[in-house]
Amino acid sequence: METIEFTDEDNNTVEYEVIETTVLGGNNYLLVADEEDNAVILKELVSAEDEETAAYTEELTDSERDAVATVFRQLLDDSDMRLD
């Protein structure tokens, strides 16, 4: 699986394994896991000023998180992974 590195707001590098990606409502979402296999849903935020650099956030509304989690559960249905 693909791994990607992020730089957090404190300028620390964090590595995640990309489990799955999806587009919902015109937004890109990533399901990633850290070294301890904790899964996180990230929403891509693209700046109109710099389209080559994206930022990601874990801050989603409850309804947005539920909708994206449902899509990821369906995508993972045929794999050994489970999204609780």
N, C-alpha and C. Protein backbone atom coordinates (compact mmCIF):
# COMPACT_ATOMS: atom_id res chain seq x y z
N MET A 1 0.83 -1.19 0.00
CA MET A 1 0.00 0.00 0.00
C MET A 1 0.87 1.25 0.00
N GLU A 2 0.29 2.28 -0.51
CA GLU A 2 0.99 3.56 -0.59
C GLU A 2 1.07 4.22 0.79
N THR A 3 2.21 4.81 1.08
CA THR A 3 2.34 5.60 2.30
C THR A 3 2.62 7.04 1.89
N ILE A 4 2.11 7.96 2.70
CA ILE A 4 2.34 9.38 2.44
C ILE A 4 2.75 10.05 3.74
N GLU A 5 3.52 11.10 3.59
CA GLU A 5 3.96 11.87 4.76
C GLU A 5 3.23 13.20 4.79
N PHE A 6 2.80 13.56 5.98
CA PHE A 6 2.15 14.85 6.20
C PHE A 6 3.00 15.63 7.19
N THR A 7 2.90 16.93 7.10
CA THR A 7 3.52 17.80 8.08
C THR A 7 2.39 18.45 8.87
N ASP A 8 2.40 18.25 10.19
CA ASP A 8 1.33 18.81 11.01
C ASP A 8 1.59 20.28 11.32
N GLU A 9 0.67 20.90 12.05
CA GLU A 9 0.78 22.33 12.34
C GLU A 9 2.00 22.69 13.19
N ASP A 10 2.59 21.69 13.87
CA ASP A 10 3.80 21.91 14.66
C ASP A 10 5.07 21.58 13.87
N ASN A 11 4.90 21.37 12.56
CA ASN A 11 5.99 21.07 11.64
C ASN A 11 6.62 19.70 11.88
N ASN A 12 5.84 18.77 12.48
CA ASN A 12 6.28 17.39 12.66
C ASN A 12 5.83 16.56 11.47
N THR A 13 6.66 15.63 11.05
CA THR A 13 6.29 14.75 9.95
C THR A 13 5.59 13.51 10.50
N VAL A 14 4.44 13.21 9.90
CA VAL A 14 3.64 12.05 10.30
C VAL A 14 3.42 11.20 9.05
N GLU A 15 3.69 9.90 9.16
CA GLU A 15 3.52 9.00 8.02
C GLU A 15 2.24 8.19 8.19
N TYR A 16 1.46 8.13 7.11
CA TYR A 16 0.23 7.36 7.09
C TYR A 16 0.24 6.40 5.91
N GLU A 17 -0.42 5.28 6.08
CA GLU A 17 -0.65 4.33 5.01
C GLU A 17 -2.02 4.65 4.42
N VAL A 18 -2.09 4.84 3.11
CA VAL A 18 -3.37 5.13 2.46
C VAL A 18 -4.09 3.80 2.24
N ILE A 19 -5.26 3.68 2.86
CA ILE A 19 -6.05 2.46 2.75
C ILE A 19 -7.01 2.56 1.56
N GLU A 20 -7.64 3.72 1.43
CA GLU A 20 -8.64 3.91 0.38
C GLU A 20 -8.84 5.39 0.14
N THR A 21 -9.32 5.74 -1.03
CA THR A 21 -9.66 7.13 -1.34
C THR A 21 -11.04 7.14 -1.99
N THR A 22 -11.73 8.27 -1.88
CA THR A 22 -13.03 8.42 -2.53
C THR A 22 -13.31 9.89 -2.75
N VAL A 23 -14.25 10.15 -3.64
CA VAL A 23 -14.74 11.51 -3.89
C VAL A 23 -16.22 11.49 -3.57
N LEU A 24 -16.65 12.44 -2.76
CA LEU A 24 -18.05 12.53 -2.37
C LEU A 24 -18.43 14.01 -2.33
N GLY A 25 -19.47 14.35 -3.05
CA GLY A 25 -19.91 15.74 -3.07
C GLY A 25 -18.86 16.69 -3.61
N GLY A 26 -18.00 16.21 -4.51
CA GLY A 26 -16.95 17.04 -5.08
C GLY A 26 -15.72 17.20 -4.21
N ASN A 27 -15.70 16.55 -3.06
CA ASN A 27 -14.55 16.61 -2.15
C ASN A 27 -13.80 15.29 -2.16
N ASN A 28 -12.47 15.36 -2.05
CA ASN A 28 -11.63 14.17 -1.96
C ASN A 28 -11.42 13.79 -0.50
N TYR A 29 -11.53 12.49 -0.22
CA TYR A 29 -11.33 11.97 1.13
C TYR A 29 -10.35 10.81 1.08
N LEU A 30 -9.54 10.71 2.12
CA LEU A 30 -8.60 9.60 2.25
C LEU A 30 -8.88 8.86 3.55
N LEU A 31 -8.85 7.56 3.49
CA LEU A 31 -8.87 6.74 4.68
C LEU A 31 -7.44 6.28 4.88
N VAL A 32 -6.83 6.71 5.97
CA VAL A 32 -5.43 6.41 6.24
C VAL A 32 -5.29 5.74 7.60
N ALA A 33 -4.16 5.08 7.80
CA ALA A 33 -3.86 4.44 9.08
C ALA A 33 -2.46 4.83 9.51
N ASP A 34 -2.30 5.04 10.81
CA ASP A 34 -0.97 5.36 11.34
C ASP A 34 -0.23 4.07 11.65
N GLU A 35 0.95 4.18 12.26
CA GLU A 35 1.78 3.02 12.57
C GLU A 35 1.10 2.04 13.53
N GLU A 36 0.16 2.53 14.32
CA GLU A 36 -0.54 1.69 15.29
C GLU A 36 -1.87 1.18 14.74
N ASP A 37 -2.07 1.33 13.41
CA ASP A 37 -3.28 0.90 12.71
C ASP A 37 -4.54 1.64 13.15
N ASN A 38 -4.39 2.85 13.65
CA ASN A 38 -5.53 3.70 13.94
C ASN A 38 -5.95 4.37 12.64
N ALA A 39 -7.20 4.17 12.24
CA ALA A 39 -7.70 4.74 10.99
C ALA A 39 -8.24 6.14 11.21
N VAL A 40 -8.01 6.99 10.21
CA VAL A 40 -8.45 8.38 10.25
C VAL A 40 -8.99 8.73 8.86
N ILE A 41 -10.10 9.46 8.83
CA ILE A 41 -10.62 9.98 7.58
C ILE A 41 -10.14 11.41 7.44
N LEU A 42 -9.49 11.71 6.31
CA LEU A 42 -8.99 13.05 6.04
C LEU A 42 -9.70 13.64 4.83
N LYS A 43 -10.05 14.90 4.94
CA LYS A 43 -10.67 15.63 3.83
C LYS A 43 -9.62 16.54 3.22
N GLU A 44 -9.52 16.50 1.90
CA GLU A 44 -8.55 17.33 1.20
C GLU A 44 -9.08 18.74 1.05
N LEU A 45 -8.24 19.70 1.39
CA LEU A 45 -8.57 21.12 1.22
C LEU A 45 -7.58 21.70 0.22
N VAL A 46 -8.07 22.09 -0.94
CA VAL A 46 -7.21 22.62 -1.99
C VAL A 46 -7.35 24.13 -1.99
N SER A 47 -6.24 24.80 -1.96
CA SER A 47 -6.22 26.26 -1.99
C SER A 47 -6.37 26.74 -3.43
N ALA A 48 -7.21 27.73 -3.63
CA ALA A 48 -7.37 28.31 -4.97
C ALA A 48 -6.08 28.99 -5.42
N GLU A 49 -5.27 29.41 -4.46
CA GLU A 49 -4.02 30.10 -4.78
C GLU A 49 -2.89 29.13 -5.13
N ASP A 50 -2.92 27.93 -4.56
CA ASP A 50 -1.85 26.96 -4.78
C ASP A 50 -2.49 25.59 -4.98
N GLU A 51 -2.85 25.27 -6.21
CA GLU A 51 -3.54 24.02 -6.50
C GLU A 51 -2.64 22.79 -6.44
N GLU A 52 -1.33 22.99 -6.36
CA GLU A 52 -0.40 21.86 -6.30
C GLU A 52 -0.17 21.37 -4.89
N THR A 53 -0.46 22.19 -3.91
CA THR A 53 -0.27 21.81 -2.52
C THR A 53 -1.63 21.69 -1.85
N ALA A 54 -1.88 20.56 -1.25
CA ALA A 54 -3.16 20.35 -0.57
C ALA A 54 -2.93 20.27 0.93
N ALA A 55 -3.94 20.68 1.65
CA ALA A 55 -3.96 20.50 3.10
C ALA A 55 -5.05 19.49 3.39
N TYR A 56 -4.94 18.83 4.53
CA TYR A 56 -5.93 17.83 4.92
C TYR A 56 -6.40 18.12 6.33
N THR A 57 -7.67 17.81 6.57
CA THR A 57 -8.24 18.02 7.89
C THR A 57 -9.02 16.80 8.33
N GLU A 58 -9.04 16.60 9.64
CA GLU A 58 -9.87 15.56 10.23
C GLU A 58 -11.22 16.13 10.65
N GLU A 59 -11.38 17.44 10.54
CA GLU A 59 -12.59 18.11 10.98
C GLU A 59 -13.68 17.97 9.92
N LEU A 60 -14.63 17.09 10.19
CA LEU A 60 -15.77 16.86 9.33
C LEU A 60 -17.03 16.99 10.18
N THR A 61 -18.13 17.39 9.55
CA THR A 61 -19.39 17.40 10.28
C THR A 61 -19.80 15.97 10.54
N ASP A 62 -20.69 15.77 11.51
CA ASP A 62 -21.14 14.41 11.81
C ASP A 62 -21.77 13.75 10.60
N SER A 63 -22.61 14.49 9.87
CA SER A 63 -23.27 13.90 8.70
C SER A 63 -22.27 13.60 7.59
N GLU A 64 -21.28 14.46 7.43
CA GLU A 64 -20.24 14.25 6.43
C GLU A 64 -19.42 13.00 6.79
N ARG A 65 -19.03 12.89 8.06
CA ARG A 65 -18.25 11.73 8.51
C ARG A 65 -19.04 10.44 8.31
N ASP A 66 -20.34 10.46 8.64
CA ASP A 66 -21.18 9.27 8.48
C ASP A 66 -21.27 8.85 7.01
N ALA A 67 -21.46 9.83 6.13
CA ALA A 67 -21.59 9.53 4.70
C ALA A 67 -20.30 8.96 4.13
N VAL A 68 -19.18 9.57 4.47
CA VAL A 68 -17.89 9.11 3.96
C VAL A 68 -17.54 7.74 4.56
N ALA A 69 -17.82 7.54 5.83
CA ALA A 69 -17.55 6.25 6.47
C ALA A 69 -18.37 5.14 5.81
N THR A 70 -19.60 5.45 5.43
CA THR A 70 -20.44 4.46 4.75
C THR A 70 -19.82 4.07 3.42
N VAL A 71 -19.32 5.03 2.67
CA VAL A 71 -18.66 4.74 1.39
C VAL A 71 -17.41 3.89 1.63
N PHE A 72 -16.60 4.24 2.60
CA PHE A 72 -15.39 3.47 2.87
C PHE A 72 -15.73 2.05 3.33
N ARG A 73 -16.79 1.89 4.13
CA ARG A 73 -17.19 0.53 4.54
C ARG A 73 -17.55 -0.31 3.32
N GLN A 74 -18.27 0.29 2.37
CA GLN A 74 -18.65 -0.44 1.16
C GLN A 74 -17.41 -0.79 0.34
N LEU A 75 -16.47 0.13 0.23
CA LEU A 75 -15.24 -0.13 -0.52
C LEU A 75 -14.39 -1.21 0.14
N LEU A 76 -14.43 -1.29 1.45
CA LEU A 76 -13.62 -2.25 2.20
C LEU A 76 -14.33 -3.59 2.37
N ASP A 77 -15.56 -3.69 1.92
CA ASP A 77 -16.38 -4.88 2.13
C ASP A 77 -15.70 -6.16 1.66
N ASP A 78 -14.92 -6.09 0.59
CA ASP A 78 -14.27 -7.27 0.05
C ASP A 78 -12.86 -7.49 0.58
N SER A 79 -12.45 -6.70 1.56
CA SER A 79 -11.09 -6.85 2.08
C SER A 79 -11.13 -7.39 3.51
N ASP A 80 -9.95 -7.58 4.06
CA ASP A 80 -9.83 -8.08 5.43
C ASP A 80 -9.98 -6.97 6.45
N MET A 81 -10.04 -5.73 6.00
CA MET A 81 -10.10 -4.58 6.91
C MET A 81 -11.55 -4.29 7.30
N ARG A 82 -11.67 -3.68 8.48
CA ARG A 82 -12.98 -3.31 8.98
C ARG A 82 -12.92 -1.90 9.53
N LEU A 83 -13.93 -1.11 9.20
CA LEU A 83 -14.01 0.26 9.69
C LEU A 83 -15.15 0.31 10.69
N ASP A 84 -14.80 0.56 11.97
CA ASP A 84 -15.83 0.62 13.02
C ASP A 84 -16.37 2.00 13.16
